[in-house]
Protein backbone atom coordinates (compact mmCIF):
# COMPACT_ATOMS: atom_id res chain seq x y z
CA MET A 1 20.00 12.65 -18.93
CA THR A 2 18.55 12.33 -22.56
CA ASN A 3 18.77 14.11 -25.69
CA ASN A 4 15.29 13.71 -26.81
CA GLN A 5 14.14 17.22 -25.67
CA ALA A 6 10.58 16.16 -24.84
CA LEU A 7 11.30 13.96 -22.64
CA ASN A 8 14.03 15.68 -20.25
CA GLU A 9 11.04 19.05 -20.48
CA TRP A 10 8.57 15.89 -19.18
CA VAL A 11 11.12 15.27 -16.52
CA ALA A 12 11.98 18.50 -15.39
CA SER A 13 8.44 18.94 -14.92
CA VAL A 14 7.57 16.40 -13.22
CA ALA A 15 10.13 17.15 -10.91
CA GLU A 16 9.05 20.86 -10.09
CA LEU A 17 5.36 19.28 -9.85
CA THR A 18 6.33 16.23 -6.91
CA ARG A 19 9.59 17.97 -5.87
CA PRO A 20 11.87 14.76 -4.72
CA ASP A 21 14.99 15.13 -2.84
CA ASP A 22 16.88 13.54 -6.05
CA VAL A 23 16.15 12.48 -9.48
CA ARG A 24 17.74 9.48 -10.93
CA TRP A 25 18.16 7.61 -14.96
CA VAL A 26 16.90 4.12 -14.30
CA SER A 27 20.01 2.25 -15.93
CA GLY A 28 18.53 -1.36 -15.52
CA ASP A 29 21.94 -2.91 -15.21
CA ASP A 30 23.26 -5.36 -12.15
CA ASP A 31 25.28 -3.04 -10.00
CA GLU A 32 22.08 -0.71 -9.97
CA HIS A 33 19.71 -3.86 -9.38
CA ARG A 34 21.98 -5.29 -6.22
CA GLU A 35 21.53 -1.58 -4.96
CA LEU A 36 18.00 -1.11 -4.82
CA VAL A 37 17.74 -4.24 -3.65
CA GLN A 38 19.48 -2.90 -0.50
CA VAL A 39 17.87 -0.27 -0.11
CA LEU A 40 14.61 -1.65 -0.06
CA MET A 41 15.65 -4.46 2.83
CA ASP A 42 17.21 -1.32 4.78
CA SER A 43 13.75 0.29 4.46
CA GLY A 44 11.71 -3.04 5.83
CA ASP A 45 10.21 -3.07 2.17
CA PHE A 46 12.49 -6.29 1.13
CA ILE A 47 12.54 -9.50 2.81
CA GLU A 48 15.81 -11.71 2.11
CA LEU A 49 14.54 -15.22 1.77
CA ASN A 50 16.39 -18.33 2.51
CA GLN A 51 18.96 -17.99 0.06
CA GLU A 52 19.75 -21.74 0.06
CA THR A 53 16.93 -22.30 -1.29
CA HIS A 54 15.48 -19.01 -3.08
CA PRO A 55 19.05 -17.66 -3.79
CA GLY A 56 18.21 -13.65 -5.31
CA CYS A 57 14.60 -13.94 -4.51
CA TYR A 58 13.06 -11.18 -1.55
CA LEU A 59 9.34 -10.41 0.18
CA HIS A 60 7.50 -7.91 -0.19
CA ARG A 61 4.93 -7.23 1.60
CA SER A 62 2.18 -4.87 0.94
CA ASP A 63 0.17 -2.20 3.12
CA PRO A 64 -3.15 -4.75 3.50
CA GLY A 65 -5.09 -2.26 2.43
CA ASP A 66 -3.03 -2.32 -1.38
CA VAL A 67 -3.25 -5.83 -2.68
CA ALA A 68 -5.17 -5.51 -6.09
CA ARG A 69 -6.32 -3.11 -8.75
CA VAL A 70 -9.05 -1.24 -7.63
CA GLU A 71 -11.25 -1.08 -11.22
CA HIS A 72 -13.21 1.55 -9.61
CA LEU A 73 -10.93 4.05 -9.28
CA THR A 74 -9.52 3.56 -12.23
CA PHE A 75 -10.37 5.71 -15.34
CA VAL A 76 -10.47 6.44 -19.27
CA CYS A 77 -10.34 10.50 -19.55
CA THR A 78 -11.04 11.19 -23.22
CA SER A 79 -12.39 14.15 -24.43
CA GLU A 80 -15.82 12.30 -25.19
CA ALA A 81 -17.23 10.47 -22.65
CA GLU A 82 -18.86 8.20 -25.37
CA ASP A 83 -15.09 7.38 -26.61
CA ALA A 84 -14.48 5.86 -23.38
CA GLY A 85 -18.14 3.34 -23.37
CA PRO A 86 -19.93 2.31 -20.60
CA ASN A 87 -17.77 -0.55 -19.81
CA ASN A 88 -15.26 2.09 -18.68
CA ASN A 89 -14.74 4.52 -15.65
CA TRP A 90 -14.95 8.05 -17.27
CA MET A 91 -14.19 11.13 -16.31
CA GLU A 92 -13.55 14.75 -17.98
CA PRO A 93 -9.62 14.91 -18.83
CA GLY A 94 -9.71 18.44 -17.03
CA GLN A 95 -11.28 17.40 -13.97
CA ALA A 96 -9.13 14.55 -13.97
CA ARG A 97 -5.79 16.17 -14.40
CA GLU A 98 -6.56 19.24 -11.89
CA LYS A 99 -7.32 16.08 -9.11
CA MET A 100 -3.90 14.43 -10.35
CA HIS A 101 -2.08 17.98 -10.22
CA GLY A 102 -3.45 18.34 -6.18
CA LEU A 103 -2.60 15.22 -4.91
CA PHE A 104 1.10 15.12 -7.18
CA GLU A 105 1.82 18.44 -6.13
CA GLY A 106 5.04 17.49 -3.26
CA CYS A 107 4.33 14.29 -2.83
CA MET A 108 7.80 13.05 -3.73
CA GLN A 109 9.42 15.00 -0.86
CA GLY A 110 11.70 13.43 1.31
CA ARG A 111 11.85 10.75 -1.44
CA THR A 112 13.78 10.32 -4.96
CA MET A 113 12.53 10.18 -8.24
CA TYR A 114 13.22 7.88 -10.79
CA VAL A 115 12.76 7.60 -14.68
CA ILE A 116 12.69 4.63 -15.88
CA PRO A 117 12.81 4.24 -19.63
CA TYR A 118 10.93 0.65 -20.82
CA CYS A 119 10.11 -1.57 -24.08
CA MET A 120 6.74 -3.40 -24.26
CA GLY A 121 8.10 -6.12 -27.04
CA PRO A 122 11.38 -7.05 -28.24
CA ILE A 123 13.33 -4.06 -28.74
CA ASP A 124 14.07 -4.90 -31.96
CA SER A 125 10.82 -5.84 -32.66
CA PRO A 126 8.66 -3.14 -35.10
CA LEU A 127 5.56 -4.31 -33.39
CA SER A 128 6.91 -3.17 -29.66
CA ARG A 129 6.28 0.32 -28.13
CA CYS A 130 8.22 2.08 -25.77
CA GLY A 131 7.08 4.12 -22.52
CA VAL A 132 8.76 5.96 -19.72
CA GLU A 133 7.42 5.83 -16.38
CA ILE A 134 8.36 8.11 -13.55
CA THR A 135 7.59 6.61 -9.67
CA ASP A 136 9.08 7.24 -6.26
CA SER A 137 8.74 3.49 -5.21
CA PRO A 138 11.79 1.32 -5.54
CA TYR A 139 10.02 -1.21 -5.27
CA VAL A 140 8.48 -0.60 -8.84
CA VAL A 141 11.67 -0.63 -10.05
CA VAL A 142 12.93 -3.50 -9.60
CA ASN A 143 9.88 -5.17 -10.63
CA MET A 144 9.98 -3.01 -14.04
CA ARG A 145 12.99 -4.53 -14.80
CA LEU A 146 11.93 -8.19 -14.94
CA MET A 147 8.88 -7.55 -16.35
CA THR A 148 10.07 -5.02 -19.27
CA ARG A 149 13.35 -4.46 -21.53
CA MET A 150 14.01 -1.67 -19.36
CA GLY A 151 16.39 0.86 -19.30
CA GLN A 152 19.69 1.95 -22.00
CA PRO A 153 18.41 -0.24 -24.47
CA ALA A 154 15.02 1.87 -24.30
CA LEU A 155 15.89 4.78 -23.62
CA ALA A 156 18.27 4.46 -26.81
CA ARG A 157 15.20 3.45 -28.94
CA ILE A 158 12.97 5.89 -27.33
CA GLU A 159 15.82 8.94 -28.58
CA ARG A 160 15.62 6.89 -32.37
CA GLU A 161 11.49 7.49 -32.43
CA GLY A 162 11.18 10.52 -30.17
CA GLY A 163 7.40 8.89 -29.51
CA PHE A 164 6.82 7.39 -25.72
CA VAL A 165 4.16 6.87 -23.77
CA ARG A 166 4.28 8.70 -20.07
CA GLY A 167 3.19 6.86 -16.45
CA LEU A 168 3.36 8.97 -13.67
CA HIS A 169 3.13 7.03 -10.37
CA SER A 170 3.76 7.89 -7.21
CA THR A 171 2.92 5.49 -4.03
CA GLY A 172 1.47 8.75 -2.26
CA ASP A 173 0.33 7.63 1.14
CA LEU A 174 -1.68 4.79 0.13
CA ASP A 175 -4.51 6.50 1.10
CA PRO A 176 -7.47 4.97 -0.64
CA ASP A 177 -9.69 7.58 -1.08
CA ARG A 178 -6.76 9.28 -2.67
CA ARG A 179 -6.28 7.02 -5.01
CA TYR A 180 -6.62 7.04 -8.47
CA ILE A 181 -5.28 5.49 -12.08
CA MET A 182 -6.13 7.94 -14.68
CA HIS A 183 -5.65 6.72 -18.29
CA PHE A 184 -5.59 9.73 -21.23
CA PRO A 185 -5.12 7.40 -24.37
CA GLU A 186 -5.36 10.53 -26.65
CA ASP A 187 -2.37 11.68 -25.28
CA LEU A 188 -0.85 8.26 -25.15
CA GLU A 189 -0.23 9.12 -20.88
CA ILE A 190 -1.06 7.58 -17.51
CA GLN A 191 -1.12 9.00 -13.82
CA SER A 192 -2.15 6.27 -11.37
CA PHE A 193 -1.15 7.94 -7.11
CA GLY A 194 -1.99 6.26 -3.62
CA SER A 195 -0.99 2.96 -4.70
CA GLY A 196 1.93 0.24 -4.97
CA TYR A 197 0.90 -3.01 -6.23
CA GLY A 198 1.35 -3.92 -9.62
CA GLY A 199 -1.80 -3.90 -11.64
CA ASN A 200 -1.63 -0.03 -9.89
CA ALA A 201 1.94 0.60 -9.82
CA LEU A 202 3.78 -0.94 -12.96
CA LEU A 203 2.29 1.19 -15.62
CA GLY A 204 3.83 -0.92 -18.32
CA LYS A 205 1.63 -3.60 -17.68
CA LYS A 206 -2.44 -3.24 -17.82
CA CYS A 207 -2.16 0.51 -17.54
CA HIS A 208 0.03 0.95 -21.16
CA ALA A 209 0.27 -2.65 -23.13
CA LEU A 210 -3.89 -3.02 -22.56
CA ARG A 211 -5.86 0.16 -21.93
CA ILE A 212 -3.51 2.77 -23.90
CA ALA A 213 -2.32 -0.01 -25.82
CA SER A 214 -5.79 -1.38 -27.32
CA TYR A 215 -6.05 2.31 -28.24
CA GLN A 216 -2.88 2.85 -29.93
CA ALA A 217 -4.04 -0.21 -31.97
CA ARG A 218 -6.83 0.62 -33.14
CA ASP A 219 -5.81 3.69 -34.50
CA GLU A 220 -2.80 2.28 -36.13
CA GLY A 221 -4.54 -1.27 -37.40
CA TRP A 222 -3.30 -3.70 -34.69
CA LEU A 223 -4.88 -5.08 -31.60
CA ALA A 224 -3.73 -5.41 -27.99
CA GLU A 225 -5.00 -8.28 -25.91
CA HIS A 226 -5.08 -10.07 -22.77
CA MET A 227 -4.53 -13.12 -23.84
CA LEU A 228 -1.93 -16.15 -23.78
CA ILE A 229 0.81 -16.86 -26.80
CA LEU A 230 1.64 -20.58 -26.57
CA GLY A 231 3.42 -22.96 -29.07
CA VAL A 232 2.37 -26.38 -29.80
CA GLU A 233 5.24 -28.04 -31.70
CA ASN A 234 4.59 -31.77 -32.54
CA PRO A 235 6.66 -34.99 -32.95
CA GLN A 236 7.45 -34.40 -36.78
CA GLY A 237 9.09 -30.60 -35.06
CA GLU A 238 6.49 -28.48 -36.39
CA THR A 239 5.11 -25.76 -34.22
CA HIS A 240 2.24 -23.62 -34.52
CA TYR A 241 0.77 -20.61 -32.18
CA ILE A 242 -2.01 -20.08 -30.31
CA ALA A 243 -3.55 -16.77 -28.63
CA ALA A 244 -6.01 -17.28 -26.29
CA ALA A 245 -7.91 -15.58 -23.96
CA PHE A 246 -9.84 -16.18 -20.93
CA PRO A 247 -10.86 -14.76 -17.60
CA SER A 248 -10.08 -14.62 -14.58
CA ALA A 249 -10.21 -18.35 -12.23
CA CYS A 250 -10.16 -20.06 -15.88
CA GLY A 251 -6.59 -21.06 -15.67
CA LYS A 252 -4.68 -19.06 -18.17
CA THR A 253 -1.56 -19.62 -17.08
CA ASN A 254 -1.14 -22.99 -16.36
CA LEU A 255 -2.68 -23.55 -20.06
CA ALA A 256 0.46 -20.95 -21.40
CA MET A 257 3.05 -23.73 -19.79
CA LEU A 258 0.97 -27.01 -19.92
CA ILE A 259 2.93 -30.27 -20.03
CA PRO A 260 1.43 -32.70 -22.44
CA PRO A 261 0.48 -35.76 -20.91
CA GLU A 262 1.73 -39.28 -21.27
CA SER A 263 -0.21 -40.63 -24.11
CA TYR A 264 1.57 -37.52 -26.18
CA PRO A 265 4.85 -38.62 -26.91
CA GLY A 266 7.35 -36.21 -28.44
CA TRP A 267 4.80 -33.40 -28.25
CA LYS A 268 6.00 -30.33 -26.48
CA VAL A 269 4.60 -26.76 -25.43
CA TRP A 270 6.56 -23.57 -25.72
CA THR A 271 5.96 -20.52 -23.59
CA VAL A 272 6.00 -17.26 -25.70
CA GLY A 273 3.64 -15.35 -22.78
CA ASP A 274 0.99 -15.96 -20.49
CA ASP A 275 -1.21 -12.95 -20.14
CA ILE A 276 -0.86 -9.85 -22.84
CA CYS A 277 -0.58 -10.68 -26.38
CA TRP A 278 0.15 -7.55 -29.15
CA MET A 279 -1.26 -9.06 -33.06
CA ARG A 280 -0.71 -7.31 -36.14
CA PRO A 281 -1.18 -8.43 -39.96
CA GLY A 282 1.89 -9.01 -41.39
CA ASP A 283 2.83 -9.04 -45.43
CA ASP A 284 2.17 -12.48 -45.97
CA GLY A 285 -1.76 -12.30 -44.67
CA ARG A 286 -1.41 -14.08 -41.29
CA LEU A 287 -1.30 -12.50 -37.59
CA TRP A 288 1.46 -12.25 -36.60
CA ALA A 289 2.09 -11.61 -32.73
CA ILE A 290 4.61 -10.25 -29.86
CA ASN A 291 4.37 -11.20 -25.85
CA PRO A 292 4.75 -7.23 -24.74
CA GLU A 293 5.97 -8.45 -21.29
CA ALA A 294 9.52 -9.58 -20.22
CA GLY A 295 7.98 -11.50 -17.57
CA PHE A 296 5.46 -13.49 -15.33
CA PHE A 297 3.19 -11.45 -12.43
CA GLY A 298 1.71 -14.74 -11.65
CA VAL A 299 -1.05 -15.57 -8.58
CA ALA A 300 1.16 -17.63 -6.43
CA PRO A 301 -2.02 -19.60 -4.16
CA GLY A 302 -2.84 -22.79 -6.73
CA THR A 303 0.47 -22.57 -8.37
CA GLY A 304 1.79 -26.59 -7.57
CA PRO A 305 3.15 -29.68 -8.85
CA LYS A 306 0.17 -30.70 -10.13
CA THR A 307 -1.50 -27.64 -11.23
CA ASN A 308 1.90 -25.95 -13.08
CA PRO A 309 4.97 -27.96 -12.65
CA ASN A 310 6.67 -25.17 -15.00
CA ALA A 311 5.65 -22.54 -13.08
CA LEU A 312 6.78 -23.51 -9.81
CA ALA A 313 10.13 -25.05 -10.69
CA MET A 314 11.36 -20.84 -12.47
CA LEU A 315 10.65 -19.56 -8.70
CA ASP A 316 13.35 -21.08 -6.80
CA HIS A 317 16.19 -18.29 -7.88
CA ASP A 318 16.19 -14.48 -8.54
CA ALA A 319 11.93 -13.52 -8.04
CA ILE A 320 10.07 -11.14 -6.55
CA PHE A 321 6.98 -12.50 -4.22
CA THR A 322 4.48 -10.42 -2.90
CA ASN A 323 2.25 -11.19 0.09
CA VAL A 324 2.87 -14.60 0.21
CA GLY A 325 3.29 -16.57 3.39
CA VAL A 326 7.09 -17.91 5.06
CA THR A 327 7.99 -21.31 6.33
CA ALA A 328 10.45 -21.47 9.69
CA ASP A 329 13.42 -22.08 7.29
CA ASN A 330 11.81 -18.78 5.21
CA GLN A 331 11.11 -20.00 2.25
CA PRO A 332 7.62 -18.66 0.69
CA TRP A 333 4.99 -20.78 1.51
CA TRP A 334 1.31 -19.98 -0.10
CA GLU A 335 -1.66 -22.21 -0.67
CA GLY A 336 -1.48 -25.12 -3.29
CA ILE A 337 2.53 -24.81 -2.98
CA GLY A 338 2.60 -28.69 -2.58
CA SER A 339 5.36 -28.83 0.46
CA GLY A 340 6.44 -27.38 3.60
CA GLN A 341 4.20 -25.70 6.62
CA PRO A 342 4.20 -21.92 7.13
CA VAL A 343 4.65 -19.81 10.22
CA THR A 344 4.00 -16.98 9.42
CA ASP A 345 1.17 -15.09 7.51
CA TRP A 346 1.48 -12.44 4.43
CA GLN A 347 1.18 -10.27 6.87
CA GLY A 348 3.92 -10.92 9.01
CA ARG A 349 1.69 -12.70 11.78
CA SER A 350 1.80 -15.65 13.26
CA TYR A 351 0.06 -18.13 11.06
CA ASP A 352 -3.52 -19.34 12.16
CA PRO A 353 -5.29 -21.05 9.88
CA GLU A 354 -8.47 -20.12 11.64
CA VAL A 355 -7.52 -16.22 11.77
CA SER A 356 -6.34 -15.84 8.06
CA LYS A 357 -4.57 -17.96 4.76
CA ALA A 358 -0.91 -17.71 4.74
CA ALA A 359 -0.95 -15.88 1.95
CA HIS A 360 -3.61 -13.52 0.61
CA PRO A 361 -5.67 -15.07 -2.46
CA ASN A 362 -4.29 -12.39 -4.56
CA SER A 363 -0.37 -12.84 -3.86
CA ARG A 364 2.01 -12.69 -6.54
CA PHE A 365 5.28 -13.46 -8.00
CA THR A 366 7.43 -11.50 -10.45
CA VAL A 367 9.82 -13.38 -12.48
CA SER A 368 11.87 -12.92 -15.64
CA ALA A 369 9.92 -14.96 -18.36
CA LYS A 370 13.46 -16.63 -19.33
CA GLN A 371 13.44 -18.67 -16.40
CA CYS A 372 10.24 -20.72 -17.47
CA PRO A 373 11.27 -24.30 -18.51
CA THR A 374 9.07 -24.59 -21.60
CA TYR A 375 10.08 -20.30 -22.31
CA SER A 376 10.25 -20.05 -26.32
CA PRO A 377 13.30 -19.05 -28.39
CA GLN A 378 10.96 -17.39 -30.71
CA ALA A 379 10.14 -14.88 -27.45
CA GLU A 380 12.59 -12.58 -28.81
CA ALA A 381 11.65 -12.75 -32.20
CA PRO A 382 11.60 -9.25 -33.84
CA ARG A 383 9.26 -10.31 -36.28
CA GLY A 384 7.06 -12.17 -33.42
CA VAL A 385 5.41 -15.31 -34.28
CA PRO A 386 2.33 -16.27 -36.61
CA ILE A 387 -0.94 -16.74 -35.40
CA SER A 388 -2.29 -20.54 -36.22
CA ALA A 389 -5.63 -20.14 -34.21
CA ILE A 390 -7.28 -17.77 -32.00
CA ILE A 391 -9.44 -19.28 -28.72
CA PHE A 392 -12.17 -17.41 -26.44
CA GLY A 393 -12.93 -19.44 -23.40
CA GLY A 394 -14.77 -18.68 -20.02
CA ARG A 395 -16.31 -20.69 -16.89
CA ARG A 396 -19.24 -22.35 -17.90
CA GLN A 397 -20.77 -25.38 -15.78
CA HIS A 398 -23.57 -25.97 -18.37
CA LEU A 399 -24.55 -25.38 -22.18
CA VAL A 400 -21.63 -24.62 -23.48
CA PRO A 401 -19.73 -27.31 -25.27
CA LEU A 402 -15.86 -28.37 -24.80
CA VAL A 403 -14.67 -26.94 -27.88
CA GLN A 404 -16.27 -25.18 -30.72
CA GLN A 405 -14.92 -23.55 -34.17
CA SER A 406 -16.78 -20.38 -35.67
CA ASP A 407 -17.73 -20.75 -38.43
CA SER A 408 -16.32 -17.75 -39.89
CA TRP A 409 -14.10 -14.33 -38.67
CA ALA A 410 -17.52 -12.42 -37.47
CA HIS A 411 -19.29 -15.66 -35.84
CA GLY A 412 -16.04 -15.92 -34.31
CA VAL A 413 -16.09 -11.94 -32.88
CA LEU A 414 -19.24 -12.56 -31.61
CA LEU A 415 -17.75 -15.58 -29.91
CA GLY A 416 -15.38 -13.23 -28.00
CA ALA A 417 -18.03 -10.50 -27.77
CA SER A 418 -20.45 -12.74 -25.81
CA MET A 419 -17.72 -15.39 -23.87
CA ALA A 420 -18.91 -15.14 -19.82
CA SER A 421 -18.26 -17.20 -17.01
CA GLU A 422 -20.62 -17.80 -13.86
CA THR A 423 -20.15 -16.94 -10.92
CA THR A 424 -19.82 -19.05 -7.71
CA ALA A 425 -21.43 -18.77 -4.09
CA ALA A 426 -18.11 -17.96 -3.08
CA ALA A 427 -17.27 -15.17 -5.08
CA THR A 428 -20.38 -13.05 -5.10
CA GLY A 429 -22.92 -14.96 -2.97
CA GLU A 430 -25.38 -16.15 -5.85
CA VAL A 431 -24.76 -19.23 -7.83
CA GLY A 432 -24.55 -19.56 -11.84
CA VAL A 433 -24.85 -15.54 -12.84
CA VAL A 434 -23.66 -14.71 -15.90
CA ARG A 435 -20.92 -12.24 -16.04
CA ARG A 436 -20.08 -11.48 -19.84
CA ASP A 437 -16.51 -10.74 -19.98
CA PRO A 438 -15.98 -9.37 -23.79
CA MET A 439 -12.06 -11.24 -25.05
CA ALA A 440 -11.64 -10.98 -21.54
CA MET A 441 -10.83 -7.71 -21.25
CA LYS A 442 -13.66 -6.07 -19.19
CA PRO A 443 -11.59 -4.19 -17.27
CA PHE A 444 -8.67 -3.54 -19.67
CA CYS A 445 -10.10 -2.19 -23.24
CA GLY A 446 -8.82 1.41 -23.05
CA TYR A 447 -12.03 2.69 -25.55
CA ASN A 448 -15.99 1.97 -26.13
CA TYR A 449 -16.47 -1.73 -26.12
CA ALA A 450 -18.96 -1.14 -28.93
CA ASP A 451 -15.91 0.42 -31.19
CA TYR A 452 -13.36 -2.28 -30.08
CA PHE A 453 -15.89 -4.83 -31.40
CA SER A 454 -15.92 -2.89 -34.80
CA HIS A 455 -12.40 -2.79 -34.90
CA TRP A 456 -11.74 -6.70 -34.96
CA LEU A 457 -14.61 -7.05 -37.27
CA GLU A 458 -12.76 -3.91 -40.06
CA LEU A 459 -9.30 -5.68 -39.17
CA GLY A 460 -10.69 -9.46 -39.95
CA GLU A 461 -11.60 -7.77 -43.31
CA GLN A 462 -7.80 -6.74 -44.30
CA ILE A 463 -6.80 -9.96 -43.06
CA ALA A 464 -5.74 -12.19 -46.25
CA ASN A 465 -5.51 -15.56 -44.56
CA PRO A 466 -7.04 -14.85 -41.02
CA PRO A 467 -6.83 -17.37 -38.13
CA PRO A 468 -9.92 -19.17 -37.51
CA ILE A 469 -11.74 -18.53 -33.60
CA PHE A 470 -12.65 -21.46 -31.28
CA HIS A 471 -14.15 -21.13 -28.09
CA VAL A 472 -13.66 -23.85 -25.22
CA ASN A 473 -14.98 -24.11 -21.89
CA TRP A 474 -12.90 -26.83 -19.69
CA PHE A 475 -15.58 -26.39 -16.45
CA ARG A 476 -18.59 -28.30 -17.92
CA LYS A 477 -20.13 -30.03 -14.97
CA ASP A 478 -22.43 -33.06 -14.31
CA ALA A 479 -25.96 -32.90 -12.56
CA ALA A 480 -23.80 -34.86 -9.45
CA GLY A 481 -21.53 -31.39 -9.68
CA ASN A 482 -18.60 -32.90 -10.81
CA PHE A 483 -16.29 -31.44 -13.68
CA MET A 484 -16.48 -33.95 -17.12
CA TRP A 485 -13.46 -32.59 -18.44
CA PRO A 486 -10.14 -33.71 -16.52
CA GLY A 487 -8.84 -30.55 -17.78
CA PHE A 488 -4.89 -29.20 -17.38
CA CYS A 489 -2.75 -31.57 -18.88
CA GLU A 490 -5.39 -33.01 -20.87
CA ASN A 491 -6.30 -29.76 -22.77
CA MET A 492 -3.64 -30.70 -24.76
CA ARG A 493 -6.13 -33.33 -26.72
CA VAL A 494 -8.14 -29.87 -27.74
CA LEU A 495 -5.17 -27.94 -28.43
CA GLU A 496 -4.31 -30.78 -30.70
CA TRP A 497 -7.54 -30.57 -32.73
CA VAL A 498 -7.85 -26.58 -32.70
CA ILE A 499 -4.34 -26.92 -34.53
CA GLN A 500 -4.82 -29.56 -36.86
CA ARG A 501 -8.57 -27.73 -37.84
CA SER A 502 -6.58 -24.78 -38.86
CA GLN A 503 -4.65 -26.80 -40.97
CA GLY A 504 -7.39 -28.23 -42.63
CA ALA A 505 -7.50 -31.63 -41.01
CA ALA A 506 -9.06 -33.53 -38.51
CA GLY A 507 -13.22 -34.18 -39.16
CA ALA A 508 -16.04 -31.67 -37.55
CA LYS A 509 -19.04 -31.63 -37.62
CA ASP A 510 -21.77 -28.74 -38.92
CA THR A 511 -23.76 -28.02 -35.80
CA PRO A 512 -26.29 -24.48 -35.70
CA ILE A 513 -23.42 -22.86 -33.12
CA GLY A 514 -20.35 -23.62 -35.20
CA LYS A 515 -18.34 -27.00 -35.41
CA LEU A 516 -17.66 -29.12 -33.02
CA PRO A 517 -15.60 -32.40 -32.91
CA SER A 518 -16.94 -35.12 -35.03
CA GLU A 519 -17.06 -38.87 -34.05
CA HIS A 520 -13.73 -40.23 -32.68
CA ALA A 521 -12.14 -37.03 -33.67
CA LEU A 522 -10.82 -35.99 -30.59
CA ASN A 523 -7.82 -37.88 -29.44
CA THR A 524 -8.62 -39.77 -26.35
CA ASP A 525 -5.88 -42.58 -26.40
CA GLY A 526 -5.23 -43.09 -22.61
CA LEU A 527 -8.08 -41.30 -21.30
CA GLU A 528 -10.63 -42.49 -18.99
CA ILE A 529 -13.69 -41.09 -19.78
CA ASP A 530 -16.61 -42.32 -21.60
CA PRO A 531 -18.01 -42.05 -24.60
CA GLN A 532 -21.64 -40.93 -22.92
CA THR A 533 -19.63 -38.46 -20.70
CA LEU A 534 -17.77 -36.99 -24.35
CA SER A 535 -21.32 -36.71 -26.08
CA ALA A 536 -22.69 -34.45 -23.33
CA LEU A 537 -19.62 -32.30 -23.21
CA LEU A 538 -20.15 -31.39 -27.29
CA ALA A 539 -24.24 -31.55 -27.48
CA VAL A 540 -25.58 -28.96 -28.61
CA ASP A 541 -29.22 -27.98 -26.63
CA GLU A 542 -30.94 -25.93 -29.05
CA GLN A 543 -33.77 -24.49 -26.76
CA ALA A 544 -31.27 -23.46 -24.17
CA TRP A 545 -29.08 -21.63 -26.41
CA LEU A 546 -32.44 -19.77 -28.35
CA ALA A 547 -32.21 -18.28 -24.26
CA GLU A 548 -28.37 -17.90 -24.44
CA LEU A 549 -28.66 -15.41 -27.79
CA ASP A 550 -31.74 -13.62 -26.56
CA GLN A 551 -29.35 -12.75 -22.89
CA ILE A 552 -26.50 -11.99 -25.75
CA ARG A 553 -28.72 -9.54 -27.84
CA GLU A 554 -29.35 -7.44 -24.64
CA TYR A 555 -26.06 -7.75 -23.39
CA LEU A 556 -24.82 -6.14 -27.32
CA GLU A 557 -28.36 -3.72 -27.11
CA GLY A 558 -26.49 -2.02 -23.83
CA TYR A 559 -23.26 -0.68 -26.07
CA GLY A 560 -26.60 1.46 -28.06
CA ASP A 561 -25.92 2.85 -31.84
CA ARG A 562 -22.53 2.27 -31.51
CA ALA A 563 -22.69 -1.78 -31.89
CA PRO A 564 -22.04 -3.19 -34.71
CA GLN A 565 -24.49 -4.78 -36.79
CA ALA A 566 -22.66 -7.46 -38.01
CA LEU A 567 -22.72 -8.85 -34.56
CA PHE A 568 -26.35 -9.20 -34.33
CA THR A 569 -26.56 -10.25 -37.85
CA GLU A 570 -24.47 -13.25 -36.20
CA LEU A 571 -27.08 -13.74 -34.08
CA GLU A 572 -29.84 -14.01 -35.92
CA ARG A 573 -27.86 -16.60 -38.38
CA VAL A 574 -27.51 -18.62 -35.56
CA ARG A 575 -31.35 -18.51 -34.01
CA ALA A 576 -32.42 -19.08 -37.59
CA ASN A 577 -30.06 -22.20 -37.50
CA LEU A 578 -31.13 -23.37 -34.65
CA VAL A 579 -34.85 -23.27 -35.08
CA ASN A 580 -34.47 -24.76 -39.09
């Protein structure tokens, strides 16, 4: 119970609708956590892993039909369809509520209803926002404990402030034909039914921290973004913070936890966050950012000693693994982990590589961010961290250079609005199909993308000292199909140039598409790359770029009259540069 009357009334109304056997207000303390873990083990939802090698670690195997976000069943329910935009599935709010009411009615009979107060962001930060998730899943509770600031401190803040985002979730019967994730941004409300998967069930994550928060951010004058936040400390002890957005399969978490190469003695990278970033203009004219999350809900496959040793190092205690394989001595295993052999796969079957991968491709780990070896001491700073630069990135085999700096804030917004990745045969059966994913927010923007672009443009005008905006592409290939840039830790070289540019230093040359590193501006000491390859990575194919601009224009025109004219003005400016 709480002294917030609106919260009490909402909890009572949900209990009346769902009819649970018991209602439990979650405190977030250690004793409660141990009790819930035991509940999960007793039900078979948790399997205790090897407590000698992985103390406090557990395996969860989800229903095989419930292993990922379901974007086609995810809706934004605004009063007007145009406000949701063509980037979202829309349902009329009254119809959506009626549908969900029928699903939730009596769904918690025989179950416990958990009431989870949580805070997205440091508990004392003015940038943070609170919510309450009601769920019938103890798996959700133990994950939310790692992913948010959950329990009594969050409830105390809700009681002080009054307002909160309302999230109602039930696993239901896990029937994919009765599975919906509804967002009501005008009411700051989320309803999710029929799934236990993280992105559909941990309502503080994508649902609140991006879809609802992006809507809040537009109304309140800030940004809620699908971005990592990292700090780069130079040998002089100066730290500069970067926010960066990448679509999936572009190395986002690896970059957030990057280890500088041996040729960078004295340099450090600090991890503030690997997935979500909330930014607000500060009194000093800069953008300040927090990571609203308190943990990592990361993809396990591919996480290993070569790709991300820092991530691997934080997963040997107090972590939850979902849909990974298991070794003979009961340790978690996934493709790319670098050691061990699985004996059972993610469904608990005897492992047979001819039948199935050991870990599901979207298998996950949940762990507190504080366990990361590069966890930033500023991650809980109430004011956040000042952003020196913003980076957008895609996955392009050709055309897009290794790194470019925008000519202005508006040009940077165009770079973000047009960012894209190319598909592979493994993903779609077609190679090289360009898929636009503006600001990496395609599945997560809670309102019309055209209005979102306008918000970015308007916010830039309000910031006295906006950070410069860059675009990177680690994935250029040569004629033989080989990657031209080594990537991983060597991306530090690009980060160094980005930071130097944000400080008004480092050489740059003006090109029709923006500023690129001038000759010798990128530090290549100790890097095995020939001058011809480096030159090709920074080349501008003017005819190919003219064709790219035509595609970008066609894409933006798809948003109709709401698409901001400033982006088309920037398009024409770049076009004029290319033809002159």
